[in-house]
Protein backbone atom coordinates (compact mmCIF):
# COMPACT_ATOMS: atom_id res chain seq x y z
CA MET A 1 5.04 6.32 -30.51
CA ASN A 2 5.74 9.43 -28.40
CA ILE A 3 5.53 7.33 -25.23
CA LEU A 4 8.07 4.85 -26.59
CA ILE A 5 10.47 7.65 -27.49
CA SER A 6 10.00 9.19 -24.03
CA ILE A 7 10.74 5.88 -22.31
CA LEU A 8 13.83 5.26 -24.45
CA LEU A 9 15.08 8.80 -23.88
CA ALA A 10 14.56 8.50 -20.11
CA GLY A 11 16.43 5.19 -20.11
CA ILE A 12 19.35 6.64 -22.06
CA ILE A 13 19.59 9.67 -19.78
CA ASN A 14 19.44 7.43 -16.70
CA TYR A 15 22.18 5.17 -18.09
CA LEU A 16 24.41 8.10 -19.02
CA THR A 17 24.12 9.69 -15.57
CA ARG A 18 25.06 6.42 -13.92
CA LEU A 19 27.89 5.83 -16.38
CA GLY A 20 29.12 9.37 -15.84
CA SER A 21 29.37 8.85 -12.11
CA PHE A 22 31.55 5.77 -12.66
CA ILE A 23 33.78 7.57 -15.16
CA ILE A 24 34.14 10.88 -13.31
CA ILE A 25 34.39 9.67 -9.70
CA ASN A 26 37.54 7.75 -8.87
CA PRO A 27 37.03 5.78 -5.62
CA ASN A 28 40.79 5.69 -5.00
CA LYS A 29 40.87 9.50 -4.68
CA MET A 30 37.99 9.64 -2.19
CA SER A 31 38.76 10.25 1.44
CA SER A 32 37.77 7.62 3.98
CA LYS A 33 35.19 10.03 5.43
CA ILE A 34 33.43 10.36 2.08
CA LYS A 35 33.48 6.58 1.56
CA GLN A 36 32.00 6.06 5.01
CA LEU A 37 29.32 8.69 4.35
CA LEU A 38 28.39 7.12 1.02
CA SER A 39 28.10 3.69 2.62
CA TYR A 40 24.96 4.94 4.43
CA VAL A 41 23.14 5.93 1.23
CA PRO A 42 21.57 2.51 0.47
CA SER A 43 20.34 2.23 4.06
CA ALA A 44 18.68 5.62 3.77
CA VAL A 45 17.18 5.15 0.31
CA PHE A 46 15.75 1.64 0.82
CA PRO A 47 13.28 2.58 3.58
CA ALA A 48 12.23 5.69 1.66
CA ILE A 49 11.18 3.43 -1.20
CA ILE A 50 9.70 0.53 0.79
CA PHE A 51 7.81 2.20 3.65
CA PRO A 52 5.31 4.20 1.56
CA ALA A 53 4.51 1.07 -0.44
CA VAL A 54 3.78 -0.86 2.76
CA PHE A 55 2.16 1.71 5.02
CA LEU A 56 0.09 3.71 2.50
CA ASN A 57 -2.79 2.51 0.35
CA GLN A 58 -3.80 3.78 -3.11
CA GLU A 59 -5.48 6.85 -1.59
CA ASN A 60 -2.27 7.71 0.34
CA GLU A 61 -3.92 6.89 3.65
CA LEU A 62 -2.27 4.86 6.39
CA VAL A 63 -3.24 1.20 6.42
CA SER A 64 -4.22 -0.59 9.61
CA PHE A 65 -1.72 -2.53 11.69
CA THR A 66 -3.57 -5.74 10.82
CA ASP A 67 -2.69 -5.39 7.15
CA PRO A 68 -0.66 -8.42 5.98
CA GLU A 69 2.10 -6.23 4.56
CA VAL A 70 2.55 -4.38 7.86
CA ILE A 71 2.66 -7.61 9.87
CA ALA A 72 5.12 -9.21 7.44
CA ILE A 73 7.47 -6.21 7.36
CA SER A 74 7.36 -6.02 11.16
CA LEU A 75 8.33 -9.69 11.44
CA ALA A 76 11.05 -9.27 8.82
CA PHE A 77 12.40 -6.24 10.68
CA LEU A 78 12.61 -8.15 13.95
CA ILE A 79 14.27 -11.12 12.27
CA GLY A 80 16.67 -8.77 10.49
CA VAL A 81 17.68 -7.11 13.76
CA ILE A 82 18.23 -10.48 15.40
CA SER A 83 19.94 -12.30 12.50
CA GLN A 84 21.88 -9.39 10.93
CA ASN A 85 21.54 -11.29 7.63
CA LEU A 86 19.88 -9.70 4.60
CA VAL A 87 19.00 -12.97 2.85
CA ILE A 88 17.35 -14.42 5.95
CA THR A 89 15.46 -11.15 6.45
CA ILE A 90 14.09 -11.11 2.90
CA ILE A 91 13.15 -14.79 2.93
CA SER A 92 11.46 -14.51 6.33
CA GLY A 93 9.50 -11.46 5.19
CA LEU A 94 8.29 -13.21 2.06
CA ILE A 95 7.37 -16.41 3.89
CA SER A 96 5.52 -14.54 6.61
CA PHE A 97 3.62 -12.46 4.05
CA TRP A 98 2.61 -15.52 2.04
CA THR A 99 1.61 -17.40 5.21
CA ILE A 100 -0.54 -14.51 6.40
CA LEU A 101 -2.24 -14.28 3.00
CA PHE A 102 -2.83 -18.03 2.99
CA LEU A 103 -4.36 -17.97 6.47
CA LEU A 104 -6.65 -15.04 5.70
């Protein structure tokens, strides 16, 4: 029961902090410099979340370059640089990962 209460409390706090940022911050009053700076946040946060999951194993050691996840993310990165399209990048990464798993 304590775990359920902790999860609910964490969810409520998370929701309120996100709601507070929408209520308090008015995008119309932000300068163009701040808007431009904030536009880089998703690009900075996404790799910080994804890269440890791909390049580290459960013991927090680097995986080899022949790992299917590393090969798939490398292919997806190259396709993303070439195509400049997020949907194509995600689909190509998934297809390459599944193909590598199927072939191994």
